[in-house]
Protein backbone atom coordinates (compact mmCIF):
# COMPACT_ATOMS: atom_id res chain seq x y z
CA MET A 1 -28.25 -47.49 -43.31
CA LYS A 2 -27.14 -48.34 -39.94
CA LEU A 3 -29.19 -47.05 -37.18
CA SER A 4 -28.21 -46.52 -33.41
CA CYS A 5 -30.15 -48.49 -30.90
CA ASP A 6 -31.13 -45.06 -29.71
CA GLU A 7 -32.38 -43.74 -32.83
CA PRO A 8 -35.93 -42.45 -32.55
CA VAL A 9 -38.82 -43.79 -34.78
CA THR A 10 -41.18 -41.03 -36.24
CA ILE A 11 -44.49 -42.39 -34.97
CA ARG A 12 -45.51 -38.95 -33.71
CA GLU A 13 -44.68 -37.34 -36.71
CA ASN A 14 -46.21 -39.72 -39.12
CA GLU A 15 -49.52 -39.54 -37.12
CA ALA A 16 -49.37 -35.72 -37.03
CA ALA A 17 -48.92 -35.70 -40.91
CA ILE A 18 -51.86 -38.15 -41.34
CA ILE A 19 -54.19 -36.23 -39.23
CA GLU A 20 -53.23 -32.83 -40.70
CA ALA A 21 -53.86 -34.21 -44.15
CA ALA A 22 -57.28 -35.63 -43.01
CA PHE A 23 -58.34 -32.23 -41.89
CA ARG A 24 -56.94 -30.35 -44.94
CA GLU A 25 -58.55 -32.66 -47.35
CA GLY A 26 -62.00 -32.75 -45.58
CA TYR A 27 -61.87 -36.23 -44.40
CA VAL A 28 -62.68 -35.47 -40.76
CA ILE A 29 -66.38 -34.75 -40.49
CA PRO A 30 -68.97 -34.89 -37.80
CA VAL A 31 -70.33 -38.18 -36.91
CA MET A 32 -74.05 -38.03 -35.63
CA PRO A 33 -74.59 -40.99 -33.52
CA GLN A 34 -78.13 -42.46 -32.70
CA ARG A 35 -79.10 -41.37 -29.18
CA ASN A 36 -79.77 -44.10 -26.43
CA GLY A 37 -81.66 -41.82 -24.17
CA LYS A 38 -79.05 -41.61 -21.34
CA GLN A 39 -77.34 -38.67 -20.32
CA VAL A 40 -73.89 -38.39 -18.79
CA ALA A 41 -72.33 -35.21 -17.20
CA VAL A 42 -68.55 -34.97 -17.51
CA ILE A 43 -66.88 -32.57 -15.18
CA GLY A 44 -63.53 -31.17 -16.40
CA ALA A 45 -62.92 -30.27 -19.94
CA GLY A 46 -59.30 -31.25 -20.10
CA PRO A 47 -57.81 -34.21 -21.96
CA ALA A 48 -59.29 -36.92 -19.96
CA GLY A 49 -62.73 -35.14 -19.95
CA LEU A 50 -62.69 -34.36 -23.71
CA ALA A 51 -61.77 -38.14 -24.41
CA ALA A 52 -64.47 -39.43 -22.27
CA ALA A 53 -67.05 -37.03 -23.71
CA ASN A 54 -66.09 -38.15 -27.28
CA GLN A 55 -66.18 -41.76 -26.71
CA LEU A 56 -69.46 -41.65 -24.71
CA ASN A 57 -71.20 -39.39 -27.36
CA ARG A 58 -70.13 -41.90 -30.10
CA LYS A 59 -71.83 -44.45 -28.21
CA GLY A 60 -75.12 -42.51 -28.28
CA TYR A 61 -75.13 -40.85 -24.73
CA THR A 62 -76.18 -37.19 -24.46
CA VAL A 63 -72.90 -35.64 -22.97
CA THR A 64 -72.59 -32.26 -21.19
CA LEU A 65 -69.15 -31.13 -20.31
CA PHE A 66 -68.83 -28.91 -17.32
CA ASP A 67 -65.64 -26.71 -16.73
CA LYS A 68 -64.80 -23.79 -14.53
CA ALA A 69 -62.62 -22.16 -17.09
CA GLU A 70 -63.70 -19.82 -19.90
CA ALA A 71 -62.84 -22.41 -22.57
CA PRO A 72 -62.34 -26.07 -22.79
CA GLY A 73 -59.00 -27.77 -23.06
CA GLY A 74 -57.62 -27.82 -19.53
CA LEU A 75 -53.83 -27.94 -19.46
CA LEU A 76 -53.84 -28.54 -23.09
CA ARG A 77 -55.03 -24.82 -23.40
CA PHE A 78 -53.88 -23.01 -20.15
CA GLY A 79 -50.86 -25.09 -19.18
CA ILE A 80 -49.02 -25.93 -22.36
CA PRO A 81 -47.47 -22.95 -24.14
CA ASN A 82 -48.32 -21.84 -27.59
CA PHE A 83 -44.96 -22.54 -28.69
CA LYS A 84 -45.38 -26.13 -28.03
CA LEU A 85 -49.14 -26.51 -28.91
CA ASN A 86 -50.95 -23.98 -31.17
CA LYS A 87 -54.54 -23.72 -29.65
CA ASN A 88 -56.08 -23.81 -33.16
CA ILE A 89 -55.35 -27.54 -32.92
CA ILE A 90 -57.62 -27.72 -29.82
CA ASP A 91 -60.30 -25.27 -31.17
CA ARG A 92 -60.85 -27.33 -34.32
CA ARG A 93 -61.39 -30.51 -32.36
CA ILE A 94 -63.68 -28.69 -30.01
CA GLN A 95 -65.81 -27.26 -32.94
CA LEU A 96 -66.10 -30.94 -34.20
CA LEU A 97 -67.27 -32.21 -30.84
CA LYS A 98 -69.81 -29.58 -30.69
CA ALA A 99 -71.00 -30.36 -34.21
CA GLU A 100 -71.45 -33.96 -33.18
CA GLY A 101 -73.72 -32.92 -30.26
CA ILE A 102 -71.59 -32.60 -27.05
CA ARG A 103 -72.75 -29.69 -24.88
CA PHE A 104 -70.41 -27.43 -23.25
CA GLU A 105 -70.97 -25.50 -20.11
CA MET A 106 -67.98 -23.22 -19.36
CA ASN A 107 -67.46 -20.82 -16.44
CA THR A 108 -69.39 -23.37 -14.38
CA THR A 109 -67.67 -24.59 -11.16
CA ILE A 110 -69.07 -27.97 -10.06
CA ASP A 111 -68.75 -29.31 -6.57
CA PRO A 112 -68.07 -33.09 -6.84
CA THR A 113 -69.88 -33.70 -3.77
CA HIS A 114 -72.99 -31.87 -5.00
CA LEU A 115 -73.26 -32.90 -8.52
CA PRO A 116 -76.05 -31.68 -10.89
CA GLU A 117 -79.23 -33.71 -11.09
CA GLY A 118 -80.69 -35.40 -14.08
CA PHE A 119 -77.80 -37.44 -15.34
CA ASP A 120 -77.49 -41.32 -15.41
CA ALA A 121 -73.71 -41.09 -14.77
CA TYR A 122 -71.03 -38.70 -13.86
CA CYS A 123 -67.32 -38.70 -14.98
CA ILE A 124 -64.92 -36.68 -12.71
CA CYS A 125 -62.02 -35.49 -14.77
CA THR A 126 -60.98 -32.48 -12.67
CA GLY A 127 -57.13 -33.21 -12.89
CA ALA A 128 -54.53 -32.71 -10.39
CA GLU A 129 -54.58 -29.06 -9.46
CA THR A 130 -52.68 -28.70 -6.32
CA PRO A 131 -49.12 -27.83 -6.96
CA ARG A 132 -46.34 -29.32 -4.92
CA ASP A 133 -45.13 -26.27 -2.64
CA LEU A 134 -41.58 -25.39 -1.12
CA LEU A 135 -42.26 -24.65 2.46
CA ILE A 136 -38.99 -23.22 3.37
CA PRO A 137 -38.06 -19.72 5.22
CA GLY A 138 -38.69 -16.85 3.10
CA ARG A 139 -41.80 -18.50 1.26
CA GLU A 140 -43.90 -15.45 1.90
CA LEU A 141 -41.58 -13.15 -0.11
CA LYS A 142 -43.20 -11.53 -3.39
CA GLY A 143 -41.95 -12.92 -6.60
CA ILE A 144 -42.31 -16.51 -5.82
CA HIS A 145 -44.90 -18.16 -7.83
CA PHE A 146 -46.17 -21.65 -8.91
CA ALA A 147 -45.34 -22.48 -12.44
CA LEU A 148 -49.04 -22.54 -13.69
CA GLU A 149 -49.48 -18.88 -12.38
CA MET A 150 -47.07 -17.73 -15.11
CA LEU A 151 -48.04 -20.49 -17.79
CA SER A 152 -51.99 -20.26 -17.46
CA GLN A 153 -51.77 -16.27 -17.39
CA GLN A 154 -49.38 -16.14 -20.48
CA ASN A 155 -51.68 -18.30 -22.41
CA ARG A 156 -54.57 -16.12 -21.60
CA ILE A 157 -52.51 -13.11 -22.52
CA VAL A 158 -51.76 -14.61 -25.93
CA GLU A 159 -55.51 -14.80 -26.43
CA GLY A 160 -55.91 -11.16 -25.78
CA GLN A 161 -56.72 -10.92 -21.97
CA THR A 162 -55.05 -8.42 -19.93
CA PHE A 163 -53.92 -8.27 -16.33
CA SER A 164 -53.10 -5.37 -13.89
CA LYS A 165 -49.44 -4.70 -13.09
CA ASP A 166 -49.87 -6.02 -9.32
CA LYS A 167 -51.30 -9.37 -10.74
CA LEU A 168 -48.97 -9.90 -13.63
CA VAL A 169 -46.45 -12.77 -13.26
CA SER A 170 -43.55 -11.54 -15.90
CA ALA A 171 -40.15 -12.39 -16.37
CA LYS A 172 -39.23 -9.42 -18.31
CA GLY A 173 -36.00 -7.83 -17.19
CA LYS A 174 -35.50 -10.30 -14.31
CA LYS A 175 -33.17 -13.07 -13.31
CA VAL A 176 -35.23 -16.33 -13.25
CA LEU A 177 -34.92 -19.31 -11.17
CA VAL A 178 -36.93 -22.28 -11.96
CA ILE A 179 -37.05 -24.97 -9.23
CA GLY A 180 -37.96 -28.25 -10.83
CA GLY A 181 -36.36 -30.24 -13.83
CA GLY A 182 -39.40 -31.42 -15.70
CA ASP A 183 -41.57 -30.61 -18.57
CA THR A 184 -43.30 -27.95 -16.65
CA GLY A 185 -40.09 -26.33 -15.70
CA SER A 186 -39.04 -26.43 -19.24
CA ASP A 187 -42.19 -24.63 -20.32
CA CYS A 188 -41.30 -21.95 -17.67
CA ILE A 189 -37.88 -21.57 -19.28
CA GLY A 190 -39.32 -20.91 -22.85
CA THR A 191 -41.95 -18.73 -21.61
CA SER A 192 -39.36 -16.69 -19.57
CA ILE A 193 -37.19 -16.19 -22.46
CA ARG A 194 -40.03 -15.07 -24.66
CA GLN A 195 -41.03 -12.36 -22.02
CA GLY A 196 -37.52 -11.14 -21.90
CA ALA A 197 -35.67 -12.52 -18.91
CA ILE A 198 -32.03 -11.36 -18.40
CA SER A 199 -31.09 -14.76 -17.30
CA VAL A 200 -32.73 -18.19 -16.58
CA THR A 201 -31.46 -20.80 -14.30
CA GLN A 202 -32.99 -24.14 -13.64
CA ILE A 203 -32.11 -26.43 -10.64
CA GLU A 204 -33.05 -29.94 -10.09
CA ILE A 205 -32.59 -31.84 -6.70
CA MET A 206 -31.88 -35.24 -8.39
CA PRO A 207 -28.46 -35.89 -9.98
CA GLN A 208 -27.87 -35.40 -13.66
CA PRO A 209 -28.97 -38.40 -15.74
CA PRO A 210 -26.56 -39.83 -18.43
CA VAL A 211 -26.66 -38.67 -21.92
CA GLY A 212 -28.33 -40.99 -24.53
CA HIS A 213 -28.39 -44.33 -22.91
CA ASN A 214 -28.76 -45.52 -19.14
CA ASP A 215 -27.67 -48.90 -18.33
CA ALA A 216 -29.78 -48.65 -15.13
CA THR A 217 -33.00 -48.28 -17.04
CA PRO A 218 -33.03 -50.61 -19.99
CA TRP A 219 -36.08 -51.18 -22.12
CA PRO A 220 -38.94 -51.62 -21.40
CA GLN A 221 -38.43 -49.29 -18.30
CA TRP A 222 -38.74 -45.74 -18.52
CA PRO A 223 -35.43 -44.22 -19.84
CA VAL A 224 -33.96 -41.91 -17.20
CA VAL A 225 -31.71 -40.03 -19.51
CA LEU A 226 -30.98 -36.21 -19.98
CA LYS A 227 -33.74 -34.49 -21.71
CA THR A 228 -32.89 -31.31 -23.52
CA THR A 229 -35.81 -29.33 -24.82
CA SER A 230 -35.90 -26.48 -27.56
CA SER A 231 -36.50 -24.26 -24.46
CA HIS A 232 -33.23 -25.14 -22.89
CA GLU A 233 -31.46 -24.82 -26.17
CA GLU A 234 -32.81 -21.25 -26.29
CA GLY A 235 -30.65 -20.36 -23.54
CA CYS A 236 -30.67 -21.80 -19.80
CA THR A 237 -28.15 -22.61 -17.10
CA ARG A 238 -28.89 -26.04 -15.71
CA ARG A 239 -27.81 -27.59 -12.53
CA TRP A 240 -28.52 -30.82 -10.55
CA SER A 241 -28.17 -32.16 -7.04
CA LEU A 242 -29.26 -28.85 -5.49
CA THR A 243 -31.71 -28.61 -2.65
CA SER A 244 -33.10 -25.14 -1.52
CA ASN A 245 -32.72 -24.24 1.95
CA GLN A 246 -34.23 -20.78 2.17
CA PHE A 247 -35.45 -17.71 0.02
CA ILE A 248 -33.47 -14.58 0.35
CA GLY A 249 -35.34 -11.35 0.15
CA LYS A 250 -35.12 -7.55 0.43
CA ASN A 251 -37.96 -5.19 1.21
CA GLY A 252 -40.34 -7.97 1.06
CA LYS A 253 -39.21 -9.31 -2.41
CA VAL A 254 -37.20 -12.33 -3.36
CA THR A 255 -33.72 -11.52 -4.37
CA GLY A 256 -32.17 -15.09 -4.20
CA VAL A 257 -32.30 -18.77 -2.99
CA GLU A 258 -29.63 -20.45 -0.76
CA VAL A 259 -29.13 -23.69 -2.17
CA GLU A 260 -26.91 -26.67 -0.98
CA GLN A 261 -25.10 -29.46 -3.02
CA VAL A 262 -26.48 -32.72 -2.07
CA GLU A 263 -25.29 -36.39 -2.76
CA TRP A 264 -27.55 -39.37 -3.30
CA THR A 265 -26.54 -42.73 -1.53
CA PRO A 266 -28.03 -45.94 -2.91
CA SER A 267 -30.72 -47.79 -0.79
CA THR A 268 -29.60 -51.11 0.64
CA ASP A 269 -32.88 -52.52 0.04
CA GLY A 270 -33.42 -51.23 -3.44
CA GLY A 271 -35.73 -48.47 -2.54
CA ARG A 272 -35.43 -44.65 -2.98
CA PRO A 273 -31.90 -43.38 -2.51
CA THR A 274 -30.99 -41.27 0.52
CA MET A 275 -30.30 -37.56 0.07
CA VAL A 276 -27.22 -36.41 1.98
CA PRO A 277 -26.50 -32.59 2.26
CA THR A 278 -22.87 -31.80 1.79
CA GLY A 279 -22.71 -28.44 3.61
CA LYS A 280 -21.63 -26.72 0.36
CA LYS A 281 -23.97 -23.74 0.20
CA GLU A 282 -24.29 -20.78 -2.13
CA ILE A 283 -27.02 -18.23 -3.19
CA ILE A 284 -28.42 -18.00 -6.55
CA GLU A 285 -29.61 -14.41 -7.35
CA ALA A 286 -33.14 -14.26 -8.65
CA ASP A 287 -35.74 -11.64 -9.08
CA ILE A 288 -38.48 -14.20 -9.76
CA VAL A 289 -38.80 -17.94 -8.67
CA LEU A 290 -40.96 -20.43 -10.56
CA LEU A 291 -41.89 -23.64 -8.53
CA ALA A 292 -42.29 -26.62 -11.01
CA MET A 293 -42.06 -29.41 -8.79
CA GLY A 294 -45.11 -31.31 -9.67
CA PHE A 295 -48.68 -31.69 -8.40
CA LEU A 296 -50.18 -33.60 -5.33
CA LYS A 297 -52.54 -36.59 -6.13
CA PRO A 298 -56.06 -35.56 -5.42
CA GLU A 299 -57.83 -37.27 -2.49
CA GLN A 300 -61.30 -38.10 -3.90
CA PRO A 301 -64.37 -38.95 -1.56
CA GLU A 302 -66.31 -41.98 -1.75
CA PHE A 303 -68.80 -41.54 -4.63
CA PRO A 304 -71.92 -43.31 -5.49
CA LYS A 305 -71.74 -46.24 -8.08
CA ASN A 306 -72.81 -43.99 -11.07
CA VAL A 307 -69.73 -41.50 -10.46
CA PHE A 308 -66.47 -42.27 -12.03
CA ILE A 309 -63.05 -40.94 -12.09
CA ALA A 310 -60.52 -40.54 -14.84
CA GLY A 311 -57.24 -38.85 -15.86
CA ASP A 312 -55.04 -37.02 -13.36
CA ALA A 313 -57.99 -36.85 -10.89
CA ALA A 314 -57.57 -40.67 -10.62
CA THR A 315 -53.99 -41.43 -11.11
CA GLY A 316 -52.16 -38.09 -10.01
CA ALA A 317 -50.37 -35.92 -12.45
CA SER A 318 -49.24 -37.79 -15.61
CA LEU A 319 -48.76 -37.39 -19.39
CA VAL A 320 -51.62 -35.93 -21.79
CA VAL A 321 -51.66 -39.35 -23.50
CA ARG A 322 -52.28 -41.36 -20.35
CA ALA A 323 -55.07 -38.80 -19.37
CA MET A 324 -56.63 -39.46 -22.60
CA ALA A 325 -56.45 -43.14 -22.27
CA GLY A 326 -57.98 -42.91 -18.72
CA GLY A 327 -60.86 -40.98 -20.43
CA ARG A 328 -61.43 -43.67 -23.08
CA LYS A 329 -61.16 -46.54 -20.56
CA ILE A 330 -63.57 -44.94 -18.20
CA ALA A 331 -65.97 -44.16 -21.10
CA ALA A 332 -66.04 -47.96 -21.90
CA GLU A 333 -66.54 -48.63 -18.11
CA ILE A 334 -69.64 -46.31 -17.98
CA ASP A 335 -71.19 -47.88 -21.18
CA LYS A 336 -70.76 -51.43 -19.41
CA THR A 337 -72.18 -50.33 -16.18
CA ILE A 338 -75.23 -48.01 -16.98
């Protein structure tokens, strides 16, 4: 059979099938390590923290995981929608970690500059929590939300929590505008559709990438190609090369966004292209605007030698697998250092 050079391999599907079979047939069982007498505190129970805790626990450290949320998982639990990640997947792994001796202290906010006493080492895995804002005229209007305000709330609603009407971030019966063309924006689209949005539009400031293959980003570079998710396929208008000039409102509520078409001119020194406004402006109507433009890289203070940083807290916002890889790497560094 002849395959295209862009034909995907099924590594993810193969690995998922293997681990599902392992859980189903009882091969995944708790491993009880021999303790080495040392204790490590992991601050943040997201993918980096969970990966670090697992590795350290297997090496014999007594590990305590602290997190300000009511349940462990970080963005796995409160950021990624259920239609992409069933939370039972997280729960069964957490139960395994608990059975292997990891202690979980939830609803506990830890100040990284005042870490709890009694530990030989500390691992900061608090993620990149500050969303990138869009500070243009009209930002104070009601109905403009950061993406995670909707996503984290919806995940909690699915788990049975309730919110008062004045705090509810819902797309039901509304025209939705998502600003930002990445995975978080895609999650907002799928969530809005499930909540009953009238329409969903997604805009991106960068130009539309090519479909299938991009000669400008050959392997092993990251392929800059058009990514269409299942959320897009469910019903969404997508537009590119649009910058937002101002939010439009009435009676204190957002009613739309003035956008302007832009062009991108290549840099002469090979750096970032230059954005050039064209003067072609229009207003996109919206009853709710979701800002999905990424997160700012955290600024960390200078820590003592027994304090380590992993995941998005160290690198800035990235992929879940990279956060987990960072957690595993820092666990090895802690083991080598203390």
